[in-house]
């Protein structure tokens, strides 16, 4: 991949990582600074349900943060943009849609097809 493209993806990944970390920090402060006086059990249950949903979202973001950090590591090591399965270059369109992609579209499609087949068996 050309150096300009690598720099583009480095900036894209760093921007997404920074935004996720800022959002996670703000959400954590909000969850820990919760000073609501809850009038009854229904209010408490609604707050707990909302908190549980938020924590599930944060867990998904935590996984994405790890994937972004791994993509940045691969970028530094010269491995970014190459399929971990077949070794071929991952298409730029795929990387634009999913900058943390580790498999080319052909390998990913085949893996998903095999997964669907194993579920239907």
PDB file of N, CA and C in Angstrom:
ATOM      1  N   UNK A   1       0.857  -1.178   0.000  1.00  0.00           N
ATOM      2  CA  UNK A   1       0.000   0.000   0.000  1.00  0.00           C
ATOM      3  C   UNK A   1       0.901   1.238   0.000  1.00  0.00           C
ATOM      4  N   UNK A   2       0.452   2.242  -0.688  1.00  0.00           N
ATOM      5  CA  UNK A   2       1.211   3.487  -0.801  1.00  0.00           C
ATOM      6  C   UNK A   2       1.307   4.192   0.549  1.00  0.00           C
ATOM      7  N   UNK A   3       2.428   4.887   0.787  1.00  0.00           N
ATOM      8  CA  UNK A   3       2.611   5.580   2.070  1.00  0.00           C
ATOM      9  C   UNK A   3       1.495   6.575   2.395  1.00  0.00           C
ATOM     10  N   UNK A   4       0.961   7.254   1.366  1.00  0.00           N
ATOM     11  CA  UNK A   4      -0.120   8.224   1.616  1.00  0.00           C
ATOM     12  C   UNK A   4      -1.373   7.523   2.125  1.00  0.00           C
ATOM     13  N   UNK A   5      -1.667   6.356   1.568  1.00  0.00           N
ATOM     14  CA  UNK A   5      -2.836   5.590   2.006  1.00  0.00           C
ATOM     15  C   UNK A   5      -2.632   5.069   3.428  1.00  0.00           C
ATOM     16  N   UNK A   6      -1.421   4.595   3.705  1.00  0.00           N
ATOM     17  CA  UNK A   6      -1.132   4.121   5.064  1.00  0.00           C
ATOM     18  C   UNK A   6      -1.312   5.251   6.074  1.00  0.00           C
ATOM     19  N   UNK A   7      -0.846   6.441   5.721  1.00  0.00           N
ATOM     20  CA  UNK A   7      -0.999   7.592   6.623  1.00  0.00           C
ATOM     21  C   UNK A   7      -2.476   7.953   6.791  1.00  0.00           C
ATOM     22  N   UNK A   8      -3.243   7.840   5.702  1.00  0.00           N
ATOM     23  CA  UNK A   8      -4.675   8.102   5.780  1.00  0.00           C
ATOM     24  C   UNK A   8      -5.330   7.147   6.776  1.00  0.00           C
ATOM     25  N   UNK A   9      -5.031   5.857   6.654  1.00  0.00           N
ATOM     26  CA  UNK A   9      -5.635   4.871   7.546  1.00  0.00           C
ATOM     27  C   UNK A   9      -5.118   5.023   8.977  1.00  0.00           C
ATOM     28  N   UNK A  10      -3.868   5.401   9.150  1.00  0.00           N
ATOM     29  CA  UNK A  10      -3.331   5.649  10.492  1.00  0.00           C
ATOM     30  C   UNK A  10      -4.122   6.781  11.158  1.00  0.00           C
ATOM     31  N   UNK A  11      -4.340   7.870  10.414  1.00  0.00           N
ATOM     32  CA  UNK A  11      -5.105   9.001  10.958  1.00  0.00           C
ATOM     33  C   UNK A  11      -6.556   8.603  11.234  1.00  0.00           C
ATOM     34  N   UNK A  12      -7.153   7.859  10.316  1.00  0.00           N
ATOM     35  CA  UNK A  12      -8.534   7.407  10.496  1.00  0.00           C
ATOM     36  C   UNK A  12      -8.661   6.552  11.755  1.00  0.00           C
ATOM     37  N   UNK A  13      -7.771   5.593  11.913  1.00  0.00           N
ATOM     38  CA  UNK A  13      -7.817   4.704  13.085  1.00  0.00           C
ATOM     39  C   UNK A  13      -7.566   5.484  14.377  1.00  0.00           C
ATOM     40  N   UNK A  14      -6.587   6.381  14.358  1.00  0.00           N
ATOM     41  CA  UNK A  14      -6.304   7.181  15.560  1.00  0.00           C
ATOM     42  C   UNK A  14      -7.478   8.086  15.918  1.00  0.00           C
ATOM     43  N   UNK A  15      -8.128   8.675  14.919  1.00  0.00           N
ATOM     44  CA  UNK A  15      -9.294   9.526  15.183  1.00  0.00           C
ATOM     45  C   UNK A  15     -10.433   8.724  15.801  1.00  0.00           C
ATOM     46  N   UNK A  16     -10.680   7.534  15.258  1.00  0.00           N
ATOM     47  CA  UNK A  16     -11.755   6.690  15.806  1.00  0.00           C
ATOM     48  C   UNK A  16     -11.419   6.227  17.215  1.00  0.00           C
ATOM     49  N   UNK A  17     -10.168   5.879  17.444  1.00  0.00           N
ATOM     50  CA  UNK A  17      -9.741   5.454  18.777  1.00  0.00           C
ATOM     51  C   UNK A  17      -9.913   6.593  19.779  1.00  0.00           C
ATOM     52  N   UNK A  18      -9.482   7.771  19.413  1.00  0.00           N
ATOM     53  CA  UNK A  18      -9.596   8.932  20.293  1.00  0.00           C
ATOM     54  C   UNK A  18     -11.059   9.221  20.626  1.00  0.00           C
ATOM     55  N   UNK A  19     -11.924   9.174  19.623  1.00  0.00           N
ATOM     56  CA  UNK A  19     -13.355   9.442  19.838  1.00  0.00           C
ATOM     57  C   UNK A  19     -13.977   8.393  20.756  1.00  0.00           C
ATOM     58  N   UNK A  20     -13.642   7.123  20.548  1.00  0.00           N
ATOM     59  CA  UNK A  20     -14.180   6.063  21.406  1.00  0.00           C
ATOM     60  C   UNK A  20     -13.711   6.216  22.842  1.00  0.00           C
ATOM     61  N   UNK A  21     -12.443   6.540  23.029  1.00  0.00           N
ATOM     62  CA  UNK A  21     -11.919   6.691  24.388  1.00  0.00           C
ATOM     63  C   UNK A  21     -12.533   7.890  25.093  1.00  0.00           C
ATOM     64  N   UNK A  22     -12.724   8.989  24.370  1.00  0.00           N
ATOM     65  CA  UNK A  22     -13.360  10.168  24.967  1.00  0.00           C
ATOM     66  C   UNK A  22     -14.802   9.865  25.362  1.00  0.00           C
ATOM     67  N   UNK A  23     -15.515   9.191  24.462  1.00  0.00           N
ATOM     68  CA  UNK A  23     -16.912   8.843  24.738  1.00  0.00           C
ATOM     69  C   UNK A  23     -17.019   7.886  25.923  1.00  0.00           C
ATOM     70  N   UNK A  24     -16.113   6.921  25.978  1.00  0.00           N
ATOM     71  CA  UNK A  24     -16.134   5.953  27.081  1.00  0.00           C
ATOM     72  C   UNK A  24     -15.860   6.653  28.408  1.00  0.00           C
ATOM     73  N   UNK A  25     -14.927   7.581  28.404  1.00  0.00           N
ATOM     74  CA  UNK A  25     -14.615   8.324  29.631  1.00  0.00           C
ATOM     75  C   UNK A  25     -15.796   9.151  30.103  1.00  0.00           C
ATOM     76  N   UNK A  26     -16.458   9.811  29.178  1.00  0.00           N
ATOM     77  CA  UNK A  26     -17.621  10.623  29.530  1.00  0.00           C
ATOM     78  C   UNK A  26     -18.748   9.745  30.055  1.00  0.00           C
ATOM     79  N   UNK A  27     -18.955   8.612  29.418  1.00  0.00           N
ATOM     80  CA  UNK A  27     -20.016   7.699  29.855  1.00  0.00           C
ATOM     81  C   UNK A  27     -19.711   7.127  31.231  1.00  0.00           C
ATOM     82  N   UNK A  28     -18.467   6.786  31.470  1.00  0.00           N
ATOM     83  CA  UNK A  28     -18.084   6.260  32.783  1.00  0.00           C
ATOM     84  C   UNK A  28     -18.327   7.294  33.870  1.00  0.00           C
ATOM     85  N   UNK A  29     -17.970   8.547  33.598  1.00  0.00           N
ATOM     86  CA  UNK A  29     -18.233   9.607  34.580  1.00  0.00           C
ATOM     87  C   UNK A  29     -19.729   9.745  34.839  1.00  0.00           C
ATOM     88  N   UNK A  30     -20.518   9.643  33.779  1.00  0.00           N
ATOM     89  CA  UNK A  30     -21.961   9.756  33.927  1.00  0.00           C
ATOM     90  C   UNK A  30     -22.524   8.601  34.753  1.00  0.00           C
ATOM     91  N   UNK A  31     -22.019   7.398  34.511  1.00  0.00           N
ATOM     92  CA  UNK A  31     -22.508   6.235  35.262  1.00  0.00           C
ATOM     93  C   UNK A  31     -22.120   6.313  36.733  1.00  0.00           C
ATOM     94  N   UNK A  32     -20.927   6.804  37.026  1.00  0.00           N
ATOM     95  CA  UNK A  32     -20.471   6.856  38.410  1.00  0.00           C
ATOM     96  C   UNK A  32     -20.973   8.094  39.139  1.00  0.00           C
ATOM     97  N   UNK A  33     -21.348   9.128  38.399  1.00  0.00           N
ATOM     98  CA  UNK A  33     -21.847  10.353  39.022  1.00  0.00           C
ATOM     99  C   UNK A  33     -23.366  10.361  39.143  1.00  0.00           C
ATOM    100  N   UNK A  34     -23.986   9.239  38.947  1.00  0.00           N
ATOM    101  CA  UNK A  34     -25.430   9.138  38.972  1.00  0.00           C
ATOM    102  C   UNK A  34     -25.941   9.463  40.375  1.00  0.00           C
ATOM    103  N   UNK A  35     -26.574  10.625  40.505  1.00  0.00           N
ATOM    104  CA  UNK A  35     -27.040  11.082  41.825  1.00  0.00           C
ATOM    105  C   UNK A  35     -28.555  11.190  41.870  1.00  0.00           C
ATOM    106  N   UNK A  36     -29.202  10.432  41.000  1.00  0.00           N
ATOM    107  CA  UNK A  36     -30.658  10.503  40.965  1.00  0.00           C
ATOM    108  C   UNK A  36     -31.263   9.948  42.246  1.00  0.00           C
ATOM    109  N   UNK A  37     -32.288  10.626  42.724  1.00  0.00           N
ATOM    110  CA  UNK A  37     -33.101  10.101  43.815  1.00  0.00           C
ATOM    111  C   UNK A  37     -34.277   9.395  43.173  1.00  0.00           C
ATOM    112  N   UNK A  38     -34.296   8.106  43.320  1.00  0.00           N
ATOM    113  CA  UNK A  38     -35.334   7.331  42.661  1.00  0.00           C
ATOM    114  C   UNK A  38     -36.536   7.180  43.585  1.00  0.00           C
ATOM    115  N   UNK A  39     -37.685   7.544  43.043  1.00  0.00           N
ATOM    116  CA  UNK A  39     -38.900   7.576  43.839  1.00  0.00           C
ATOM    117  C   UNK A  39     -39.416   6.189  44.190  1.00  0.00           C
ATOM    118  N   UNK A  40     -39.284   5.255  43.276  1.00  0.00           N
ATOM    119  CA  UNK A  40     -39.848   3.937  43.544  1.00  0.00           C
ATOM    120  C   UNK A  40     -39.081   2.852  42.783  1.00  0.00           C
ATOM    121  N   UNK A  41     -39.534   1.638  42.953  1.00  0.00           N
ATOM    122  CA  UNK A  41     -38.869   0.487  42.347  1.00  0.00           C
ATOM    123  C   UNK A  41     -38.919   0.532  40.820  1.00  0.00           C
ATOM    124  N   UNK A  42     -39.978   1.088  40.268  1.00  0.00           N
ATOM    125  CA  UNK A  42     -40.092   1.177  38.810  1.00  0.00           C
ATOM    126  C   UNK A  42     -39.019   2.113  38.257  1.00  0.00           C
ATOM    127  N   UNK A  43     -38.818   3.252  38.912  1.00  0.00           N
ATOM    128  CA  UNK A  43     -37.763   4.173  38.485  1.00  0.00           C
ATOM    129  C   UNK A  43     -36.393   3.504  38.590  1.00  0.00           C
ATOM    130  N   UNK A  44     -36.185   2.799  39.684  1.00  0.00           N
ATOM    131  CA  UNK A  44     -34.913   2.104  39.883  1.00  0.00           C
ATOM    132  C   UNK A  44     -34.697   1.052  38.798  1.00  0.00           C
ATOM    133  N   UNK A  45     -35.729   0.281  38.472  1.00  0.00           N
ATOM    134  CA  UNK A  45     -35.633  -0.756  37.444  1.00  0.00           C
ATOM    135  C   UNK A  45     -35.351  -0.141  36.080  1.00  0.00           C
ATOM    136  N   UNK A  46     -35.987   0.968  35.775  1.00  0.00           N
ATOM    137  CA  UNK A  46     -35.753   1.646  34.497  1.00  0.00           C
ATOM    138  C   UNK A  46     -34.317   2.144  34.407  1.00  0.00           C
ATOM    139  N   UNK A  47     -33.815   2.705  35.511  1.00  0.00           N
ATOM    140  CA  UNK A  47     -32.431   3.191  35.529  1.00  0.00           C
ATOM    141  C   UNK A  47     -31.459   2.023  35.361  1.00  0.00           C
ATOM    142  N   UNK A  48     -31.703   0.916  36.033  1.00  0.00           N
ATOM    143  CA  UNK A  48     -30.823  -0.260  35.927  1.00  0.00           C
ATOM    144  C   UNK A  48     -30.851  -0.848  34.521  1.00  0.00           C
ATOM    145  N   UNK A  49     -32.017  -0.865  33.906  1.00  0.00           N
ATOM    146  CA  UNK A  49     -32.133  -1.357  32.544  1.00  0.00           C
ATOM    147  C   UNK A  49     -31.332  -0.479  31.584  1.00  0.00           C
ATOM    148  N   UNK A  50     -31.456   0.809  31.748  1.00  0.00           N
ATOM    149  CA  UNK A  50     -30.699   1.757  30.928  1.00  0.00           C
ATOM    150  C   UNK A  50     -29.204   1.597  31.150  1.00  0.00           C
ATOM    151  N   UNK A  51     -28.806   1.438  32.396  1.00  0.00           N
ATOM    152  CA  UNK A  51     -27.394   1.259  32.738  1.00  0.00           C
ATOM    153  C   UNK A  51     -26.855  -0.035  32.128  1.00  0.00           C
ATOM    154  N   UNK A  52     -27.637  -1.112  32.184  1.00  0.00           N
ATOM    155  CA  UNK A  52     -27.206  -2.391  31.610  1.00  0.00           C
ATOM    156  C   UNK A  52     -27.028  -2.273  30.107  1.00  0.00           C
ATOM    157  N   UNK A  53     -27.951  -1.603  29.436  1.00  0.00           N
ATOM    158  CA  UNK A  53     -27.843  -1.390  27.994  1.00  0.00           C
ATOM    159  C   UNK A  53     -26.584  -0.590  27.668  1.00  0.00           C
ATOM    160  N   UNK A  54     -26.335   0.448  28.424  1.00  0.00           N
ATOM    161  CA  UNK A  54     -25.149   1.276  28.220  1.00  0.00           C
ATOM    162  C   UNK A  54     -23.878   0.460  28.403  1.00  0.00           C
ATOM    163  N   UNK A  55     -23.853  -0.374  29.417  1.00  0.00           N
ATOM    164  CA  UNK A  55     -22.665  -1.199  29.660  1.00  0.00           C
ATOM    165  C   UNK A  55     -22.445  -2.204  28.539  1.00  0.00           C
ATOM    166  N   UNK A  56     -23.521  -2.739  27.973  1.00  0.00           N
ATOM    167  CA  UNK A  56     -23.366  -3.647  26.818  1.00  0.00           C
ATOM    168  C   UNK A  56     -22.770  -2.911  25.630  1.00  0.00           C
ATOM    169  N   UNK A  57     -23.241  -1.688  25.404  1.00  0.00           N
ATOM    170  CA  UNK A  57     -22.668  -0.879  24.323  1.00  0.00           C
ATOM    171  C   UNK A  57     -21.191  -0.601  24.569  1.00  0.00           C
ATOM    172  N   UNK A  58     -20.850  -0.264  25.801  1.00  0.00           N
ATOM    173  CA  UNK A  58     -19.445   0.017  26.143  1.00  0.00           C
ATOM    174  C   UNK A  58     -18.580  -1.215  25.946  1.00  0.00           C
ATOM    175  N   UNK A  59     -19.128  -2.396  26.220  1.00  0.00           N
ATOM    176  CA  UNK A  59     -18.361  -3.618  26.021  1.00  0.00           C
ATOM    177  C   UNK A  59     -18.066  -3.823  24.536  1.00  0.00           C
ATOM    178  N   UNK A  60     -19.047  -3.550  23.691  1.00  0.00           N
ATOM    179  CA  UNK A  60     -18.810  -3.640  22.243  1.00  0.00           C
ATOM    180  C   UNK A  60     -17.769  -2.622  21.808  1.00  0.00           C
ATOM    181  N   UNK A  61     -17.819  -1.423  22.378  1.00  0.00           N
ATOM    182  CA  UNK A  61     -16.830  -0.402  22.043  1.00  0.00           C
ATOM    183  C   UNK A  61     -15.442  -0.801  22.551  1.00  0.00           C
ATOM    184  N   UNK A  62     -15.384  -1.466  23.690  1.00  0.00           N
ATOM    185  CA  UNK A  62     -14.102  -1.939  24.229  1.00  0.00           C
ATOM    186  C   UNK A  62     -13.461  -2.928  23.255  1.00  0.00           C
ATOM    187  N   UNK A  63     -14.274  -3.809  22.690  1.00  0.00           N
ATOM    188  CA  UNK A  63     -13.777  -4.772  21.708  1.00  0.00           C
ATOM    189  C   UNK A  63     -13.277  -4.034  20.467  1.00  0.00           C
ATOM    190  N   UNK A  64     -14.024  -3.027  20.021  1.00  0.00           N
ATOM    191  CA  UNK A  64     -13.608  -2.245  18.859  1.00  0.00           C
ATOM    192  C   UNK A  64     -12.308  -1.492  19.143  1.00  0.00           C
ATOM    193  N   UNK A  65     -12.153  -0.980  20.354  1.00  0.00           N
ATOM    194  CA  UNK A  65     -10.912  -0.290  20.722  1.00  0.00           C
ATOM    195  C   UNK A  65      -9.730  -1.244  20.593  1.00  0.00           C
ATOM    196  N   UNK A  66      -9.897  -2.475  21.064  1.00  0.00           N
ATOM    197  CA  UNK A  66      -8.826  -3.474  20.934  1.00  0.00           C
ATOM    198  C   UNK A  66      -8.495  -3.752  19.476  1.00  0.00           C
ATOM    199  N   UNK A  67      -9.531  -3.840  18.645  1.00  0.00           N
ATOM    200  CA  UNK A  67      -9.312  -4.093  17.224  1.00  0.00           C
ATOM    201  C   UNK A  67      -8.590  -2.920  16.561  1.00  0.00           C
ATOM    202  N   UNK A  68      -8.939  -1.706  16.943  1.00  0.00           N
ATOM    203  CA  UNK A  68      -8.261  -0.528  16.392  1.00  0.00           C
ATOM    204  C   UNK A  68      -6.802  -0.515  16.826  1.00  0.00           C
ATOM    205  N   UNK A  69      -6.554  -0.796  18.097  1.00  0.00           N
ATOM    206  CA  UNK A  69      -5.170  -0.847  18.578  1.00  0.00           C
ATOM    207  C   UNK A  69      -4.373  -1.915  17.847  1.00  0.00           C
ATOM    208  N   UNK A  70      -5.000  -3.057  17.573  1.00  0.00           N
ATOM    209  CA  UNK A  70      -4.333  -4.122  16.833  1.00  0.00           C
ATOM    210  C   UNK A  70      -4.055  -3.686  15.396  1.00  0.00           C
ATOM    211  N   UNK A  71      -5.002  -2.997  14.771  1.00  0.00           N
ATOM    212  CA  UNK A  71      -4.796  -2.497  13.403  1.00  0.00           C
ATOM    213  C   UNK A  71      -3.652  -1.495  13.364  1.00  0.00           C
ATOM    214  N   UNK A  72      -3.564  -0.633  14.373  1.00  0.00           N
ATOM    215  CA  UNK A  72      -2.450   0.331  14.435  1.00  0.00           C
ATOM    216  C   UNK A  72      -1.117  -0.393  14.608  1.00  0.00           C
ATOM    217  N   UNK A  73      -1.109  -1.459  15.397  1.00  0.00           N
ATOM    218  CA  UNK A  73       0.115  -2.254  15.565  1.00  0.00           C
ATOM    219  C   UNK A  73       0.512  -2.883  14.238  1.00  0.00           C
ATOM    220  N   UNK A  74      -0.472  -3.464  13.536  1.00  0.00           N
ATOM    221  CA  UNK A  74      -0.185  -4.070  12.234  1.00  0.00           C
ATOM    222  C   UNK A  74       0.324  -3.028  11.248  1.00  0.00           C
ATOM    223  N   UNK A  75      -0.223  -1.830  11.332  1.00  0.00           N
ATOM    224  CA  UNK A  75       0.215  -0.747  10.458  1.00  0.00           C
ATOM    225  C   UNK A  75       1.688  -0.429  10.713  1.00  0.00           C
ATOM    226  N   UNK A  76       2.061  -0.341  11.975  1.00  0.00           N
ATOM    227  CA  UNK A  76       3.456  -0.044  12.329  1.00  0.00           C
ATOM    228  C   UNK A  76       4.399  -1.170  11.918  1.00  0.00           C
ATOM    229  N   UNK A  77       3.903  -2.394  11.939  1.00  0.00           N
ATOM    230  CA  UNK A  77       4.740  -3.553  11.613  1.00  0.00           C
ATOM    231  C   UNK A  77       4.724  -3.885  10.120  1.00  0.00           C
ATOM    232  N   UNK A  78       4.000  -3.092   9.336  1.00  0.00           N
ATOM    233  CA  UNK A  78       3.958  -3.312   7.897  1.00  0.00           C
ATOM    234  C   UNK A  78       3.031  -4.434   7.465  1.00  0.00           C
ATOM    235  N   UNK A  79       2.151  -4.871   8.349  1.00  0.00           N
ATOM    236  CA  UNK A  79       1.231  -5.967   8.049  1.00  0.00           C
ATOM    237  C   UNK A  79      -0.179  -5.483   7.723  1.00  0.00           C
ATOM    238  N   UNK A  80      -0.428  -4.197   7.907  1.00  0.00           N
ATOM    239  CA  UNK A  80      -1.777  -3.668   7.714  1.00  0.00           C
ATOM    240  C   UNK A  80      -2.164  -3.761   6.241  1.00  0.00           C
ATOM    241  N   UNK A  81      -3.411  -4.159   6.012  1.00  0.00           N
ATOM    242  CA  UNK A  81      -3.939  -4.198   4.657  1.00  0.00           C
ATOM    243  C   UNK A  81      -3.716  -5.522   3.949  1.00  0.00           C
ATOM    244  N   UNK A  82      -3.186  -6.503   4.682  1.00  0.00           N
ATOM    245  CA  UNK A  82      -2.976  -7.830   4.112  1.00  0.00           C
ATOM    246  C   UNK A  82      -3.824  -8.846   4.865  1.00  0.00           C
ATOM    247  N   UNK A  83      -4.448  -9.729   4.120  1.00  0.00           N
ATOM    248  CA  UNK A  83      -5.334 -10.747   4.679  1.00  0.00           C
ATOM    249  C   UNK A  83      -4.530 -11.725   5.545  1.00  0.00           C
ATOM    250  N   UNK A  84      -4.986 -11.938   6.764  1.00  0.00           N
ATOM    251  CA  UNK A  84      -4.331 -12.888   7.660  1.00  0.00           C
ATOM    252  C   UNK A  84      -4.558 -14.329   7.220  1.00  0.00           C
ATOM    253  N   UNK A  85      -5.548 -14.548   6.371  1.00  0.00           N
ATOM    254  CA  UNK A  85      -5.859 -15.901   5.932  1.00  0.00           C
ATOM    255  C   UNK A  85      -5.073 -16.292   4.681  1.00  0.00           C
ATOM    256  N   UNK A  86      -5.145 -15.469   3.628  1.00  0.00           N
ATOM    257  CA  UNK A  86      -4.512 -15.832   2.352  1.00  0.00           C
ATOM    258  C   UNK A  86      -3.273 -15.014   2.033  1.00  0.00           C
ATOM    259  N   UNK A  87      -3.064 -13.920   2.758  1.00  0.00           N
ATOM    260  CA  UNK A  87      -1.884 -13.083   2.531  1.00  0.00           C
ATOM    261  C   UNK A  87      -2.033 -12.056   1.431  1.00  0.00           C
ATOM    262  N   UNK A  88      -3.153 -12.074   0.720  1.00  0.00           N
ATOM    263  CA  UNK A  88      -3.385 -11.103  -0.353  1.00  0.00           C
ATOM    264  C   UNK A  88      -3.731  -9.736   0.246  1.00  0.00           C
ATOM    265  N   UNK A  89      -3.579  -8.711  -0.568  1.00  0.00           N
ATOM    266  CA  UNK A  89      -3.911  -7.364  -0.119  1.00  0.00           C
ATOM    267  C   UNK A  89      -5.427  -7.234   0.053  1.00  0.00           C
ATOM    268  N   UNK A  90      -5.844  -6.586   1.128  1.00  0.00           N
ATOM    269  CA  UNK A  90      -7.263  -6.314   1.373  1.00  0.00           C
ATOM    270  C   UNK A  90      -7.631  -5.094   0.549  1.00  0.00           C
ATOM    271  N   UNK A  91      -8.737  -5.160  -0.155  1.00  0.00           N
ATOM    272  CA  UNK A  91      -9.157  -4.054  -1.009  1.00  0.00           C
ATOM    273  C   UNK A  91      -9.384  -2.767  -0.227  1.00  0.00           C
ATOM    274  N   UNK A  92      -9.061  -1.657  -0.885  1.00  0.00           N
ATOM    275  CA  UNK A  92      -9.210  -0.351  -0.244  1.00  0.00           C
ATOM    276  C   UNK A  92     -10.657  -0.060   0.129  1.00  0.00           C
ATOM    277  N   UNK A  93     -11.608  -0.488  -0.703  1.00  0.00           N
ATOM    278  CA  UNK A  93     -13.024  -0.268  -0.385  1.00  0.00           C
ATOM    279  C   UNK A  93     -13.393  -0.985   0.906  1.00  0.00           C
ATOM    280  N   UNK A  94     -12.879  -2.200   1.082  1.00  0.00           N
ATOM    281  CA  UNK A  94     -13.163  -2.953   2.309  1.00  0.00           C
ATOM    282  C   UNK A  94     -12.556  -2.238   3.509  1.00  0.00           C
ATOM    283  N   UNK A  95     -11.324  -1.758   3.372  1.00  0.00           N
ATOM    284  CA  UNK A  95     -10.677  -1.057   4.483  1.00  0.00           C
ATOM    285  C   UNK A  95     -11.383   0.258   4.800  1.00  0.00           C
ATOM    286  N   UNK A  96     -11.937   0.900   3.788  1.00  0.00           N
ATOM    287  CA  UNK A  96     -12.692   2.131   4.052  1.00  0.00           C
ATOM    288  C   UNK A  96     -13.948   1.812   4.857  1.00  0.00           C
ATOM    289  N   UNK A  97     -14.598   0.705   4.512  1.00  0.00           N
ATOM    290  CA  UNK A  97     -15.821   0.315   5.217  1.00  0.00           C
ATOM    291  C   UNK A  97     -15.514  -0.252   6.593  1.00  0.00           C
ATOM    292  N   UNK A  98     -14.404  -0.952   6.710  1.00  0.00           N
ATOM    293  CA  UNK A  98     -14.034  -1.636   7.964  1.00  0.00           C
ATOM    294  C   UNK A  98     -12.517  -1.534   8.124  1.00  0.00           C
ATOM    295  N   UNK A  99     -12.023  -0.412   8.638  1.00  0.00           N
ATOM    296  CA  UNK A  99     -10.573  -0.204   8.735  1.00  0.00           C
ATOM    297  C   UNK A  99      -9.847  -1.219   9.616  1.00  0.00           C
ATOM    298  N   UNK A 100     -10.575  -1.957  10.442  1.00  0.00           N
ATOM    299  CA  UNK A 100      -9.942  -2.957  11.308  1.00  0.00           C
ATOM    300  C   UNK A 100      -9.969  -4.349  10.691  1.00  0.00           C
ATOM    301  N   UNK A 101     -10.405  -4.447   9.426  1.00  0.00           N
ATOM    302  CA  UNK A 101     -10.517  -5.746   8.755  1.00  0.00           C
ATOM    303  C   UNK A 101      -9.168  -6.460   8.739  1.00  0.00           C
ATOM    304  N   UNK A 102      -9.224  -7.764   8.993  1.00  0.00           N
ATOM    305  CA  UNK A 102      -8.015  -8.581   8.966  1.00  0.00           C
ATOM    306  C   UNK A 102      -8.062  -9.613   7.846  1.00  0.00           C
ATOM    307  N   UNK A 103      -9.222  -9.774   7.224  1.00  0.00           N
ATOM    308  CA  UNK A 103      -9.384 -10.720   6.119  1.00  0.00           C
ATOM    309  C   UNK A 103      -9.903  -9.969   4.897  1.00  0.00           C
ATOM    310  N   UNK A 104      -9.461 -10.418   3.716  1.00  0.00           N
ATOM    311  CA  UNK A 104      -9.986  -9.856   2.475  1.00  0.00           C
ATOM    312  C   UNK A 104     -11.449 -10.270   2.338  1.00  0.00           C
ATOM    313  N   UNK A 105     -12.143  -9.640   1.428  1.00  0.00           N
ATOM    314  CA  UNK A 105     -13.573  -9.897   1.287  1.00  0.00           C
ATOM    315  C   UNK A 105     -13.850 -11.336   0.859  1.00  0.00           C
ATOM    316  N   UNK A 106     -12.989 -11.899   0.003  1.00  0.00           N
ATOM    317  CA  UNK A 106     -13.214 -13.276  -0.446  1.00  0.00           C
ATOM    318  C   UNK A 106     -13.104 -14.268   0.715  1.00  0.00           C
ATOM    319  N   UNK A 107     -12.049 -14.136   1.521  1.00  0.00           N
ATOM    320  CA  UNK A 107     -11.870 -15.045   2.665  1.00  0.00           C
ATOM    321  C   UNK A 107     -12.975 -14.862   3.698  1.00  0.00           C
ATOM    322  N   UNK A 108     -13.362 -13.623   3.955  1.00  0.00           N
ATOM    323  CA  UNK A 108     -14.422 -13.357   4.933  1.00  0.00           C
ATOM    324  C   UNK A 108     -15.752 -13.915   4.450  1.00  0.00           C
ATOM    325  N   UNK A 109     -16.045 -13.724   3.178  1.00  0.00           N
ATOM    326  CA  UNK A 109     -17.289 -14.249   2.612  1.00  0.00           C
ATOM    327  C   UNK A 109     -17.337 -15.770   2.718  1.00  0.00           C
ATOM    328  N   UNK A 110     -16.228 -16.413   2.386  1.00  0.00           N
ATOM    329  CA  UNK A 110     -16.168 -17.879   2.463  1.00  0.00           C
ATOM    330  C   UNK A 110     -16.325 -18.350   3.915  1.00  0.00           C
ATOM    331  N   UNK A 111     -15.673 -17.684   4.843  1.00  0.00           N
ATOM    332  CA  UNK A 111     -15.780 -18.060   6.256  1.00  0.00           C
ATOM    333  C   UNK A 111     -17.225 -17.916   6.743  1.00  0.00           C
ATOM    334  N   UNK A 112     -17.897 -16.852   6.349  1.00  0.00           N
ATOM    335  CA  UNK A 112     -19.293 -16.657   6.742  1.00  0.00           C
ATOM    336  C   UNK A 112     -20.197 -17.705   6.109  1.00  0.00           C
ATOM    337  N   UNK A 113     -19.902 -18.075   4.856  1.00  0.00           N
ATOM    338  CA  UNK A 113     -20.688 -19.098   4.192  1.00  0.00           C
ATOM    339  C   UNK A 113     -20.542 -20.443   4.915  1.00  0.00           C
ATOM    340  N   UNK A 114     -19.314 -20.780   5.296  1.00  0.00           N
ATOM    341  CA  UNK A 114     -19.089 -22.011   6.024  1.00  0.00           C
ATOM    342  C   UNK A 114     -19.739 -21.990   7.400  1.00  0.00           C
ATOM    343  N   UNK A 115     -19.714 -20.836   8.045  1.00  0.00           N
ATOM    344  CA  UNK A 115     -20.359 -20.691   9.359  1.00  0.00           C
ATOM    345  C   UNK A 115     -21.866 -20.893   9.245  1.00  0.00           C
ATOM    346  N   UNK A 116     -22.468 -20.297   8.230  1.00  0.00           N
ATOM    347  CA  UNK A 116     -23.919 -20.457   8.035  1.00  0.00           C
ATOM    348  C   UNK A 116     -24.256 -21.920   7.760  1.00  0.00           C
ATOM    349  N   UNK A 117     -23.417 -22.574   6.983  1.00  0.00           N
ATOM    350  CA  UNK A 117     -23.641 -23.976   6.665  1.00  0.00           C
ATOM    351  C   UNK A 117     -23.563 -24.834   7.920  1.00  0.00           C
ATOM    352  N   UNK A 118     -22.612 -24.555   8.792  1.00  0.00           N
ATOM    353  CA  UNK A 118     -22.467 -25.350  10.015  1.00  0.00           C
ATOM    354  C   UNK A 118     -23.630 -25.102  10.974  1.00  0.00           C
ATOM    355  N   UNK A 119     -24.225 -23.913  10.938  1.00  0.00           N
ATOM    356  CA  UNK A 119     -25.376 -23.623  11.800  1.00  0.00           C
ATOM    357  C   UNK A 119     -26.619 -24.328  11.300  1.00  0.00           C
ATOM    358  N   UNK A 120     -26.723 -24.448   9.984  1.00  0.00           N
ATOM    359  CA  UNK A 120     -27.941 -25.057   9.433  1.00  0.00           C
ATOM    360  C   UNK A 120     -27.871 -26.580   9.464  1.00  0.00           C
ATOM    361  N   UNK A 121     -26.719 -27.134   9.752  1.00  0.00           N
ATOM    362  CA  UNK A 121     -26.571 -28.606   9.806  1.00  0.00           C
ATOM    363  C   UNK A 121     -27.057 -29.177  11.100  1.00  0.00           C
TER     364      UNK A 121
END
